[in-house]
Amino acid sequence: MDRVGPPGRGSPAAPRLARRPQIRGSRGRGRGADARTGRRRTRAAHRRPGVVPPREGGGALRASQRVPARRGRPHHRPRAHLPGRGQGVPVTATASDRTTEARLRASGPWRNWGRTESSRPTFRASPTSTAEVQALVRLARERGLPLKVVGAGHSFTSIAATDGILVDLDRMQGVRAVDAATGRVTLAAGTRLHQLPELLAPYGLALQNMGDIDRQSIAGATSTGTHGTGGRFGGLATTITGAVIVTGDGSILELDAATNASLLPAVRLGLGALGVLVELTIQCVPAYLLRAVEHPEPFAVIDEFAARVETADHFELYWWPHTDRVMTKTNTRLPLEAGRAPVGPVANWVEERLMSNGALSLMCNIGHVLPAATPAINRFATRVYGDREYVDHSYEVFTAPRNTRFREMEYALPLEAVPAALRELRAMIEDSGWRISFPVEVRAAAADDNWMSTAYGRETGYIAVHRYVRDDPERYFRAAEQIFLAHGGRPHWGKMHYLDHEEFAARYPRFGDFLGVRNRLDPDRVFQNPYLERVLGR
């Protein structure tokens, strides 16, 4: 495997340190950190090949506090002993043969993209190297502060929220190594999915599958179970062949097929509970094209869902509530030699910017003010949206901009249960009298062996329900959840649900094994937060 040397240093934007209003509750209006989801549809041919280099801290640097690596329970000190807000706080820890400094800074409020969760961390940190991550973890353990890592904030749960130290890995991005013979690429954990087409292009590689949003970091996407669609393809975490993780005492744990291989099924999809991922090795595939066929069909096509999934490379559908139509999308994999036939720039703007975002936002706002208009609006949408065919690079077909904010719940069901669950969902919506403006998304994935995967041990269909950000989702989501649970459903870890650890233990055969690994790698619960306590227990 060839190590990739950094051609230069990145220049991440400096964070705003001004105090911001306190966010109260899940729908606070204060100005918090926000991951923008507008997507520049830059074609790979017009991009400059290269990598986003990792930024390495280094050297023996002076610092005012030395944090030893101690065993056992963390020593809790009063908050008065912690430096105050507004101060740059150097912390040190010895890593191998050098001393490395990592800095904390004051933190304003944080909130996620969907505006479902918020928190006020005491400190923020943006490490530039593995050694700096070690220093931060050791400080958190010594001082009894929880530490959580956040990526794009695209999870709808509070999986990344903390009142302790919030860490981003935005200064740890890019390709670290490439094995051209196997197609395996080692990435710094903060690398964003939307950067990968440019990063992988020089090597003629691509991800084997993607979801429809590409703003997430590679570590965040894999740790929460992000997936695309395709009956022969697992979620993104199934492509991990190796990892480097900083555990709860600040130690480095390396994993691959030859080293600590028994832990890979836990670490690949670790929920942020086992440590801080700093590197991931991903199995890529030769770059390819997709022929996309998007077409409206009758609702009854749901009875063919399993058959469509089996015969197509990638199949998904969207049902607009209050209608008898679904929008289907079938993607077929093609070699690059087949040639592109992309959507023209004007047509692409109309479909993805005007219709999928601008018009959708307008329709949702009208439905919010005049709920009775929602059924007619949805029927209109099924007549004007999504009837086209084109061929383009895989990442251009898989992903799309998402500028209209929403909340989402997604459940994984046995593949054969999808038609019955959808019919029950449709009947529930009609009987309730609710007016639902957002479509229901239906996808599929192959079975896998990652212990906390929603597709563990079974071919899986996914049903995702959404509500516009201005609409209260709780009654709708709770009612939908009961339908999904009755069909053996498992909720997506990064999307809204109402379950706790007792219910998860009954739905995941290796739940106890995962907790055992957690006890081994983070016995002091440095990476704990209320969400993990709820879904995993203490």
Protein backbone atom coordinates (compact mmCIF):
# COMPACT_ATOMS: atom_id res chain seq x y z
CA MET A 1 0.00 0.00 0.00
CA ASP A 2 1.41 3.36 -1.03
CA ARG A 3 1.27 6.15 1.51
CA VAL A 4 0.03 9.40 0.03
CA GLY A 5 2.15 12.39 0.97
CA PRO A 6 0.48 15.76 1.61
CA PRO A 7 0.94 18.16 -1.31
CA GLY A 8 0.03 21.07 0.91
CA ARG A 9 -1.94 22.19 3.90
CA GLY A 10 -5.64 22.77 3.97
CA SER A 11 -7.12 25.99 5.25
CA PRO A 12 -10.25 25.21 7.24
CA ALA A 13 -12.40 28.18 8.06
CA ALA A 14 -11.81 29.66 11.48
CA PRO A 15 -14.71 28.99 13.84
CA ARG A 16 -16.84 31.79 15.21
CA LEU A 17 -16.15 32.17 18.91
CA ALA A 18 -18.67 34.91 19.66
CA ARG A 19 -21.27 34.06 22.27
CA ARG A 20 -24.60 33.06 20.84
CA PRO A 21 -28.05 32.85 22.41
CA GLN A 22 -28.74 29.68 24.40
CA ILE A 23 -30.77 27.14 22.45
CA ARG A 24 -33.66 25.78 24.47
CA GLY A 25 -35.35 22.53 23.57
CA SER A 26 -35.29 20.75 20.23
CA ARG A 27 -36.63 23.67 18.21
CA GLY A 28 -34.60 26.57 19.58
CA ARG A 29 -34.09 29.59 17.34
CA GLY A 30 -30.55 30.50 18.43
CA ARG A 31 -27.82 30.62 15.83
CA GLY A 32 -25.88 27.41 16.06
CA ALA A 33 -23.42 25.52 13.95
CA ASP A 34 -25.07 24.53 10.72
CA ALA A 35 -23.95 22.11 8.01
CA ARG A 36 -25.09 23.53 4.70
CA THR A 37 -26.46 20.96 2.33
CA GLY A 38 -26.39 22.85 -0.95
CA ARG A 39 -24.39 20.72 -3.37
CA ARG A 40 -22.27 22.02 -6.19
CA ARG A 41 -22.86 19.72 -9.13
CA THR A 42 -19.31 20.05 -10.38
CA ARG A 43 -18.47 17.32 -12.84
CA ALA A 44 -15.39 15.20 -12.19
CA ALA A 45 -13.95 16.10 -15.59
CA HIS A 46 -13.78 19.73 -14.54
CA ARG A 47 -12.18 19.06 -11.18
CA ARG A 48 -8.51 19.16 -10.48
CA PRO A 49 -7.39 15.70 -9.33
CA GLY A 50 -5.70 15.59 -5.99
CA VAL A 51 -6.23 14.93 -2.35
CA VAL A 52 -7.24 16.91 0.66
CA PRO A 53 -4.12 16.51 2.79
CA PRO A 54 -4.15 15.59 6.44
CA ARG A 55 -2.77 18.31 8.64
CA GLU A 56 -0.26 16.96 11.10
CA GLY A 57 0.52 18.57 14.39
CA GLY A 58 3.93 17.72 15.69
CA GLY A 59 7.02 18.56 17.60
CA ALA A 60 7.54 18.99 21.30
CA LEU A 61 5.43 22.00 22.18
CA ARG A 62 5.20 23.80 25.47
CA ALA A 63 1.90 23.63 27.27
CA SER A 64 0.56 24.66 30.63
CA GLN A 65 -1.10 21.38 31.60
CA ARG A 66 0.24 17.85 31.36
CA VAL A 67 -2.43 15.17 31.35
CA PRO A 68 -1.09 11.75 32.32
CA ALA A 69 -2.68 8.57 30.99
CA ARG A 70 -4.20 6.99 34.10
CA ARG A 71 -5.97 3.72 34.56
CA GLY A 72 -9.23 3.21 36.35
CA ARG A 73 -12.05 5.65 36.88
CA PRO A 74 -11.54 9.27 35.81
CA HIS A 75 -10.68 11.77 38.52
CA HIS A 76 -13.52 14.28 38.68
CA ARG A 77 -12.47 17.83 39.45
CA PRO A 78 -14.68 20.82 40.14
CA ARG A 79 -15.52 22.99 37.16
CA ALA A 80 -13.65 25.85 38.85
CA HIS A 81 -10.41 24.05 37.97
CA LEU A 82 -11.26 24.13 34.26
CA PRO A 83 -10.16 27.12 32.19
CA GLY A 84 -12.91 29.62 31.49
CA ARG A 85 -14.72 30.27 28.23
CA GLY A 86 -12.93 32.44 25.74
CA GLN A 87 -9.47 31.11 26.63
CA GLY A 88 -7.32 29.07 24.29
CA VAL A 89 -6.48 25.99 26.34
CA PRO A 90 -3.34 24.01 25.44
CA VAL A 91 -3.39 20.43 26.70
CA THR A 92 -0.62 17.88 26.38
CA ALA A 93 -0.21 14.15 26.42
CA THR A 94 2.76 12.00 25.59
CA ALA A 95 2.25 9.86 22.50
CA SER A 96 5.08 7.43 21.73
CA ASP A 97 8.30 9.46 21.63
CA ARG A 98 6.93 12.97 21.42
CA THR A 99 4.76 15.43 23.27
CA THR A 100 1.83 16.82 21.33
CA GLU A 101 -0.32 19.83 22.02
CA ALA A 102 -4.03 20.03 21.29
CA ARG A 103 -6.15 23.12 21.84
CA LEU A 104 -9.61 23.57 23.23
CA ARG A 105 -11.66 26.67 22.52
CA ALA A 106 -14.88 28.09 23.85
CA SER A 107 -18.02 26.68 22.28
CA GLY A 108 -21.27 28.29 21.33
CA PRO A 109 -24.47 26.30 20.91
CA TRP A 110 -24.52 23.33 18.56
CA ARG A 111 -27.54 22.01 16.70
CA ASN A 112 -28.02 19.43 14.01
CA TRP A 113 -29.12 19.96 10.43
CA GLY A 114 -32.68 18.78 11.01
CA ARG A 115 -33.14 21.09 14.03
CA THR A 116 -34.27 18.14 16.14
CA GLU A 117 -31.39 18.29 18.63
CA SER A 118 -29.17 20.89 20.23
CA SER A 119 -26.60 21.19 23.00
CA ARG A 120 -24.13 23.63 24.50
CA PRO A 121 -20.70 22.04 24.71
CA THR A 122 -18.26 23.48 27.21
CA PHE A 123 -15.41 23.29 24.71
CA ARG A 124 -14.78 22.66 21.01
CA ALA A 125 -11.66 21.14 19.50
CA SER A 126 -10.39 20.61 15.95
CA PRO A 127 -7.37 18.29 16.17
CA THR A 128 -4.96 17.96 13.26
CA SER A 129 -3.40 14.59 14.11
CA THR A 130 -3.99 11.31 15.88
CA ALA A 131 -1.68 12.42 18.68
CA GLU A 132 -3.84 15.49 19.29
CA VAL A 133 -6.94 13.28 19.47
CA GLN A 134 -5.15 11.19 22.08
CA ALA A 135 -4.38 14.32 24.09
CA LEU A 136 -8.03 15.38 24.02
CA VAL A 137 -9.31 11.96 25.06
CA ARG A 138 -6.86 11.81 27.95
CA LEU A 139 -7.85 15.28 29.10
CA ALA A 140 -11.55 14.36 28.95
CA ARG A 141 -10.93 11.19 30.95
CA GLU A 142 -8.78 12.97 33.53
CA ARG A 143 -11.27 15.77 34.07
CA GLY A 144 -14.44 13.68 33.92
CA LEU A 145 -15.70 15.49 30.81
CA PRO A 146 -17.61 13.58 28.13
CA LEU A 147 -16.14 13.80 24.63
CA LYS A 148 -18.12 13.42 21.42
CA VAL A 149 -17.15 13.72 17.76
CA VAL A 150 -19.42 15.49 15.28
CA GLY A 151 -19.33 15.45 11.49
CA ALA A 152 -21.91 17.25 9.38
CA GLY A 153 -24.64 17.03 12.02
CA HIS A 154 -26.90 15.12 9.64
CA SER A 155 -28.10 12.63 12.24
CA PHE A 156 -31.60 13.41 13.45
CA THR A 157 -30.83 11.91 16.88
CA SER A 158 -28.66 13.40 19.61
CA ILE A 159 -25.93 10.81 19.01
CA ALA A 160 -23.26 13.55 18.77
CA ALA A 161 -24.62 15.98 21.37
CA THR A 162 -22.64 16.75 24.52
CA ASP A 163 -22.18 19.36 27.21
CA GLY A 164 -18.49 18.41 27.47
CA ILE A 165 -15.92 18.50 24.66
CA LEU A 166 -17.25 18.49 21.09
CA VAL A 167 -14.60 17.45 18.58
CA ASP A 168 -14.69 17.85 14.82
CA LEU A 169 -12.22 16.15 12.50
CA ASP A 170 -12.45 18.71 9.70
CA ARG A 171 -8.68 19.21 9.84
CA MET A 172 -8.08 15.49 9.46
CA GLN A 173 -9.21 14.85 5.90
CA GLY A 174 -7.90 13.27 2.73
CA VAL A 175 -6.31 10.11 1.38
CA ARG A 176 -3.67 8.54 3.61
CA ALA A 177 -2.80 5.49 1.51
CA VAL A 178 -3.92 3.58 -1.59
CA ASP A 179 -3.43 -0.08 -2.46
CA ALA A 180 -3.90 -0.06 -6.21
CA ALA A 181 -3.85 -3.85 -6.44
CA THR A 182 -6.80 -4.36 -4.10
CA GLY A 183 -8.66 -1.06 -4.51
CA ARG A 184 -8.41 -0.34 -0.80
CA VAL A 185 -8.09 3.30 0.20
CA THR A 186 -7.21 4.59 3.66
CA LEU A 187 -8.94 7.87 4.49
CA ALA A 188 -8.61 10.30 7.35
CA ALA A 189 -11.83 10.01 9.35
CA GLY A 190 -12.97 13.61 8.81
CA THR A 191 -13.09 13.24 5.02
CA ARG A 192 -16.51 14.21 3.66
CA LEU A 193 -18.34 11.96 1.23
CA HIS A 194 -18.71 14.75 -1.31
CA GLN A 195 -14.89 15.03 -1.46
CA LEU A 196 -14.44 11.39 -2.46
CA PRO A 197 -15.13 11.65 -6.21
CA GLU A 198 -12.21 14.06 -6.59
CA LEU A 199 -10.00 12.16 -4.17
CA LEU A 200 -10.60 8.78 -5.81
CA ALA A 201 -10.54 9.95 -9.44
CA PRO A 202 -6.72 9.78 -9.83
CA TYR A 203 -6.89 6.09 -8.93
CA GLY A 204 -9.91 5.24 -11.10
CA LEU A 205 -11.94 4.20 -8.05
CA ALA A 206 -15.38 4.89 -6.56
CA LEU A 207 -17.53 3.85 -3.62
CA GLN A 208 -19.54 0.71 -4.37
CA ASN A 209 -22.77 2.40 -3.23
CA MET A 210 -23.95 5.70 -1.77
CA GLY A 211 -27.00 7.22 -0.13
CA ASP A 212 -28.67 10.32 -1.51
CA ILE A 213 -26.86 12.81 0.76
CA ASP A 214 -23.09 13.31 0.62
CA ARG A 215 -22.43 15.99 3.25
CA GLN A 216 -21.47 13.49 5.99
CA SER A 217 -17.97 12.60 7.11
CA ILE A 218 -16.82 9.07 6.32
CA ALA A 219 -16.56 8.24 10.04
CA GLY A 220 -19.97 9.69 10.88
CA ALA A 221 -21.69 7.98 7.97
CA THR A 222 -20.29 4.54 8.77
CA SER A 223 -20.74 4.88 12.55
CA THR A 224 -24.48 5.52 12.22
CA GLY A 225 -25.25 2.97 9.52
CA THR A 226 -25.68 5.17 6.43
CA HIS A 227 -26.77 3.12 3.43
CA GLY A 228 -27.95 3.44 -0.14
CA THR A 229 -30.16 1.00 -1.99
CA GLY A 230 -29.44 -2.26 -3.80
CA GLY A 231 -30.19 -5.84 -2.88
CA ARG A 232 -26.60 -6.95 -3.54
CA PHE A 233 -24.95 -4.10 -1.66
CA GLY A 234 -24.59 -3.48 2.05
CA GLY A 235 -24.40 -0.19 3.88
CA LEU A 236 -21.29 1.97 3.75
CA ALA A 237 -19.87 0.36 6.91
CA THR A 238 -19.66 -3.02 5.18
CA THR A 239 -16.88 -1.67 2.96
CA ILE A 240 -14.55 -1.02 5.92
CA THR A 241 -11.57 -3.41 5.88
CA GLY A 242 -9.45 -1.65 8.50
CA ALA A 243 -9.55 1.14 11.04
CA VAL A 244 -7.50 3.11 13.53
CA ILE A 245 -9.36 4.21 16.66
CA VAL A 246 -8.40 6.12 19.80
CA THR A 247 -9.98 4.30 22.74
CA GLY A 248 -11.22 5.60 26.08
CA ASP A 249 -7.80 5.75 27.77
CA GLY A 250 -6.16 7.53 24.83
CA SER A 251 -4.56 4.40 23.39
CA ILE A 252 -4.42 3.64 19.68
CA LEU A 253 -6.11 0.46 18.47
CA GLU A 254 -5.44 -0.74 14.92
CA LEU A 255 -7.77 -3.21 13.22
CA ASP A 256 -7.68 -5.12 9.95
CA ALA A 257 -8.04 -8.69 8.74
CA ALA A 258 -4.82 -9.71 10.49
CA THR A 259 -4.94 -7.53 13.62
CA ASN A 260 -7.86 -7.43 16.09
CA ALA A 261 -10.10 -8.76 13.32
CA SER A 262 -12.65 -10.05 15.82
CA LEU A 263 -13.46 -6.46 16.79
CA LEU A 264 -14.16 -5.20 13.26
CA PRO A 265 -17.87 -6.16 13.29
CA ALA A 266 -18.29 -3.87 16.29
CA VAL A 267 -15.99 -1.01 15.26
CA ARG A 268 -17.27 -0.69 11.69
CA LEU A 269 -20.61 0.56 13.01
CA GLY A 270 -19.70 1.71 16.50
CA LEU A 271 -22.19 4.56 17.15
CA GLY A 272 -19.36 6.71 18.51
CA ALA A 273 -19.45 4.57 21.65
CA LEU A 274 -16.13 2.76 21.29
CA GLY A 275 -13.69 5.56 20.61
CA VAL A 276 -12.65 8.20 18.10
CA LEU A 277 -12.08 6.84 14.61
CA VAL A 278 -9.08 8.59 13.04
CA GLU A 279 -8.52 6.44 9.94
CA LEU A 280 -10.68 4.09 7.90
CA THR A 281 -9.64 1.75 5.10
CA ILE A 282 -12.43 1.37 2.56
CA GLN A 283 -12.84 -1.29 -0.12
CA CYS A 284 -13.51 0.67 -3.29
CA VAL A 285 -14.42 -0.53 -6.79
CA PRO A 286 -13.40 0.60 -10.28
CA ALA A 287 -15.22 3.80 -11.21
CA TYR A 288 -18.48 3.19 -13.06
CA LEU A 289 -21.51 4.84 -14.58
CA LEU A 290 -25.19 4.42 -13.74
CA ARG A 291 -28.13 4.44 -16.10
CA ALA A 292 -30.98 6.01 -14.14
CA VAL A 293 -34.59 5.44 -15.12
CA GLU A 294 -37.07 7.49 -13.06
CA HIS A 295 -40.72 6.85 -13.74
CA PRO A 296 -44.13 7.17 -11.99
CA GLU A 297 -46.06 3.93 -11.46
CA PRO A 298 -49.23 2.79 -9.64
CA PHE A 299 -49.07 2.19 -5.88
CA ALA A 300 -49.62 -1.53 -6.51
CA VAL A 301 -46.00 -1.79 -7.68
CA ILE A 302 -45.06 -2.16 -4.02
CA ASP A 303 -46.14 -5.80 -4.28
CA GLU A 304 -43.25 -6.27 -6.74
CA PHE A 305 -40.72 -4.56 -4.49
CA ALA A 306 -38.68 -7.66 -3.61
CA ALA A 307 -38.63 -8.81 -7.24
CA ARG A 308 -37.52 -5.37 -8.46
CA VAL A 309 -34.77 -5.28 -5.86
CA GLU A 310 -33.56 -8.71 -6.97
CA THR A 311 -33.43 -7.93 -10.69
CA ALA A 312 -32.08 -4.35 -10.56
CA ASP A 313 -28.69 -3.20 -9.37
CA HIS A 314 -30.27 -0.38 -7.37
CA PHE A 315 -34.02 0.10 -6.96
CA GLU A 316 -35.99 2.50 -4.78
CA LEU A 317 -39.36 4.18 -4.76
CA TYR A 318 -41.11 7.17 -3.23
CA TRP A 319 -44.77 7.27 -2.32
CA TRP A 320 -46.52 10.60 -1.93
CA PRO A 321 -49.17 10.25 0.82
CA HIS A 322 -52.77 10.89 -0.24
CA THR A 323 -52.04 9.58 -3.77
CA ASP A 324 -52.16 6.23 -5.54
CA ARG A 325 -48.85 6.78 -7.35
CA VAL A 326 -45.21 6.05 -6.55
CA MET A 327 -42.08 7.40 -8.19
CA THR A 328 -39.64 4.58 -9.01
CA LYS A 329 -35.90 4.89 -9.65
CA THR A 330 -33.94 2.03 -11.20
CA ASN A 331 -30.16 2.38 -11.54
CA THR A 332 -28.12 0.00 -13.68
CA ARG A 333 -24.33 -0.17 -13.37
CA LEU A 334 -22.32 0.41 -16.57
CA PRO A 335 -18.60 0.56 -17.35
CA LEU A 336 -17.08 3.96 -18.05
CA GLU A 337 -16.65 2.94 -21.68
CA ALA A 338 -20.43 2.97 -22.13
CA GLY A 339 -20.29 6.76 -22.20
CA ARG A 340 -22.21 9.40 -20.31
CA ALA A 341 -25.56 10.83 -21.36
CA PRO A 342 -26.10 13.26 -18.50
CA VAL A 343 -29.06 15.49 -17.85
CA GLY A 344 -28.46 18.89 -19.40
CA PRO A 345 -27.62 21.74 -17.04
CA VAL A 346 -30.97 23.48 -17.48
CA ALA A 347 -33.00 20.28 -17.08
CA ASN A 348 -30.88 19.29 -14.07
CA TRP A 349 -31.48 22.69 -12.46
CA VAL A 350 -35.22 22.41 -13.05
CA GLU A 351 -35.42 18.88 -11.60
CA GLU A 352 -33.02 19.09 -8.66
CA ARG A 353 -33.09 22.75 -7.68
CA LEU A 354 -36.47 24.02 -8.76
CA MET A 355 -38.69 20.94 -8.34
CA SER A 356 -36.89 18.78 -5.72
CA ASN A 357 -36.01 21.71 -3.48
CA GLY A 358 -37.63 25.02 -4.36
CA ALA A 359 -41.05 23.68 -5.33
CA LEU A 360 -40.97 21.10 -2.53
CA SER A 361 -40.26 23.83 0.02
CA LEU A 362 -43.10 25.94 -1.36
CA MET A 363 -45.50 22.99 -1.28
CA CYS A 364 -44.52 22.15 2.29
CA ASN A 365 -45.00 25.73 3.42
CA ILE A 366 -48.42 25.89 1.79
CA GLY A 367 -49.32 22.57 3.40
CA HIS A 368 -48.15 23.86 6.78
CA VAL A 369 -50.43 26.92 6.55
CA LEU A 370 -53.29 25.18 4.70
CA PRO A 371 -53.14 21.45 5.56
CA ALA A 372 -56.31 20.73 3.60
CA ALA A 373 -54.45 21.62 0.40
CA THR A 374 -51.81 18.92 0.90
CA PRO A 375 -53.58 16.01 -0.91
CA ALA A 376 -54.12 18.09 -4.06
CA ILE A 377 -50.54 19.37 -3.93
CA ASN A 378 -49.19 15.82 -3.62
CA ARG A 379 -51.31 14.63 -6.54
CA PHE A 380 -49.94 17.50 -8.64
CA ALA A 381 -46.39 16.54 -7.65
CA THR A 382 -46.82 12.98 -8.93
CA ARG A 383 -47.78 14.37 -12.35
CA VAL A 384 -44.82 16.72 -12.80
CA TYR A 385 -41.94 15.14 -10.87
CA GLY A 386 -39.45 12.42 -11.81
CA ASP A 387 -39.96 11.02 -15.31
CA ARG A 388 -36.56 10.90 -17.04
CA GLU A 389 -33.65 8.70 -18.12
CA TYR A 390 -29.95 9.54 -18.15
CA VAL A 391 -26.43 8.06 -17.70
CA ASP A 392 -23.79 9.64 -15.51
CA HIS A 393 -21.01 9.00 -13.00
CA SER A 394 -22.22 6.92 -10.06
CA TYR A 395 -21.92 9.73 -7.51
CA GLU A 396 -23.89 12.12 -9.72
CA VAL A 397 -26.78 9.65 -9.90
CA PHE A 398 -26.77 8.43 -6.30
CA THR A 399 -26.70 11.84 -4.62
CA ALA A 400 -28.77 14.99 -4.86
CA PRO A 401 -28.92 18.34 -3.05
CA ARG A 402 -31.18 18.53 -0.02
CA ASN A 403 -31.97 22.16 0.79
CA THR A 404 -35.46 21.73 2.26
CA ARG A 405 -35.13 20.86 5.92
CA PHE A 406 -37.10 17.95 7.31
CA ARG A 407 -37.19 15.40 10.13
CA GLU A 408 -36.90 11.71 9.40
CA MET A 409 -37.55 8.30 10.89
CA GLU A 410 -36.38 5.20 9.03
CA TYR A 411 -36.91 1.56 9.95
CA ALA A 412 -35.27 -1.55 8.56
CA LEU A 413 -37.68 -4.46 8.00
CA PRO A 414 -37.29 -7.96 6.61
CA LEU A 415 -37.42 -7.41 2.85
CA GLU A 416 -40.58 -9.45 2.40
CA ALA A 417 -42.44 -7.35 5.00
CA VAL A 418 -42.20 -4.07 3.06
CA PRO A 419 -45.46 -4.29 1.01
CA ALA A 420 -47.65 -5.10 4.03
CA ALA A 421 -46.03 -2.41 6.16
CA LEU A 422 -46.53 0.20 3.42
CA ARG A 423 -50.19 -0.68 3.05
CA GLU A 424 -50.69 -0.36 6.80
CA LEU A 425 -48.87 2.95 6.78
CA ARG A 426 -51.12 4.24 3.99
CA ALA A 427 -54.26 3.14 5.84
CA MET A 428 -53.03 4.74 9.07
CA ILE A 429 -52.41 8.10 7.37
CA GLU A 430 -55.82 8.12 5.72
CA ASP A 431 -57.65 7.07 8.90
CA SER A 432 -55.83 9.64 11.04
CA GLY A 433 -56.86 12.67 9.04
CA TRP A 434 -53.28 13.96 9.09
CA ARG A 435 -51.98 15.76 6.04
CA ILE A 436 -48.46 14.58 5.19
CA SER A 437 -46.61 16.67 2.62
CA PHE A 438 -43.32 14.74 2.41
CA PRO A 439 -42.96 11.49 0.43
CA VAL A 440 -42.21 8.11 1.99
CA GLU A 441 -38.92 6.62 0.79
CA VAL A 442 -38.43 2.86 0.30
CA ARG A 443 -35.01 1.24 -0.26
CA ALA A 444 -33.23 -2.10 0.21
CA ALA A 445 -29.85 -3.51 1.27
CA ALA A 446 -28.07 -6.85 1.49
CA ALA A 447 -27.65 -8.71 4.76
CA ASP A 448 -24.39 -8.08 6.60
CA ASP A 449 -22.49 -9.21 9.71
CA ASN A 450 -21.87 -5.89 11.50
CA TRP A 451 -23.28 -6.38 14.96
CA MET A 452 -25.22 -3.12 15.23
CA SER A 453 -26.23 -2.93 11.58
CA THR A 454 -29.93 -2.57 10.82
CA ALA A 455 -29.36 -5.23 8.14
CA TYR A 456 -27.57 -7.68 10.42
CA GLY A 457 -28.34 -11.23 9.36
CA ARG A 458 -31.19 -10.54 6.94
CA GLU A 459 -32.04 -9.07 3.53
CA THR A 460 -33.53 -5.73 4.41
CA GLY A 461 -36.06 -3.23 3.15
CA TYR A 462 -36.11 0.32 4.52
CA ILE A 463 -39.13 2.58 4.93
CA ALA A 464 -38.43 6.22 5.79
CA VAL A 465 -41.10 8.70 6.84
CA HIS A 466 -40.48 12.44 6.85
CA ARG A 467 -42.06 15.64 8.05
CA TYR A 468 -41.30 19.19 7.03
CA VAL A 469 -39.19 21.01 9.59
CA ARG A 470 -42.07 23.34 10.57
CA ASP A 471 -44.46 20.44 11.21
CA ASP A 472 -44.52 18.49 14.48
CA PRO A 473 -43.52 14.91 13.60
CA GLU A 474 -44.19 13.11 16.88
CA ARG A 475 -47.72 11.72 16.49
CA TYR A 476 -47.07 10.60 12.91
CA PHE A 477 -43.70 9.08 13.74
CA ARG A 478 -44.94 7.26 16.82
CA ALA A 479 -47.84 5.75 14.90
CA ALA A 480 -45.56 4.71 12.03
CA GLU A 481 -43.08 3.23 14.50
CA GLN A 482 -45.69 0.88 15.91
CA ILE A 483 -46.36 -0.47 12.42
CA PHE A 484 -42.66 -0.99 11.75
CA LEU A 485 -42.05 -2.65 15.10
CA ALA A 486 -44.87 -5.10 14.47
CA HIS A 487 -43.00 -6.22 11.34
CA GLY A 488 -39.70 -6.80 13.14
CA GLY A 489 -38.29 -3.35 12.44
CA ARG A 490 -34.98 -1.91 13.63
CA PRO A 491 -34.60 1.89 13.63
CA HIS A 492 -31.80 3.68 11.82
CA TRP A 493 -29.28 4.87 14.43
CA GLY A 494 -29.03 8.36 12.96
CA LYS A 495 -32.76 8.98 12.57
CA MET A 496 -35.56 9.64 15.00
CA HIS A 497 -37.06 6.81 17.03
CA TYR A 498 -38.48 6.23 20.52
CA LEU A 499 -36.80 2.98 21.63
CA ASP A 500 -34.42 2.30 24.51
CA HIS A 501 -31.73 -0.29 25.23
CA GLU A 502 -34.12 -2.99 26.43
CA GLU A 503 -35.90 -3.02 23.07
CA PHE A 504 -32.62 -2.94 21.14
CA ALA A 505 -31.32 -5.92 23.09
CA ALA A 506 -34.30 -7.94 21.83
CA ARG A 507 -33.79 -6.88 18.19
CA TYR A 508 -30.03 -7.26 17.80
CA PRO A 509 -28.64 -10.79 18.34
CA ARG A 510 -25.11 -9.49 19.04
CA PHE A 511 -26.18 -6.58 21.26
CA GLY A 512 -24.54 -8.12 24.32
CA ASP A 513 -21.30 -8.74 22.42
CA PHE A 514 -21.21 -5.09 21.36
CA LEU A 515 -21.64 -3.99 24.98
CA GLY A 516 -18.74 -6.26 25.91
CA VAL A 517 -16.48 -4.51 23.39
CA ARG A 518 -17.68 -1.16 24.70
CA ASN A 519 -16.76 -2.16 28.25
CA ARG A 520 -13.32 -3.13 27.02
CA LEU A 521 -12.59 -0.01 24.91
CA ASP A 522 -14.35 2.64 27.00
CA PRO A 523 -14.87 1.31 30.53
CA ASP A 524 -14.99 4.84 31.98
CA ARG A 525 -17.63 6.00 29.48
CA VAL A 526 -15.60 8.92 28.13
CA PHE A 527 -17.73 8.77 24.98
CA GLN A 528 -21.08 8.49 26.78
CA ASN A 529 -23.96 10.92 26.30
CA PRO A 530 -27.69 10.73 27.11
CA TYR A 531 -28.55 9.21 23.74
CA LEU A 532 -26.04 6.38 24.10
CA GLU A 533 -27.16 5.82 27.67
CA ARG A 534 -30.71 5.48 26.41
CA VAL A 535 -29.96 3.07 23.54
CA LEU A 536 -27.06 1.11 25.08
CA GLY A 537 -27.54 1.55 28.82
CA ARG A 538 -24.90 2.65 31.30
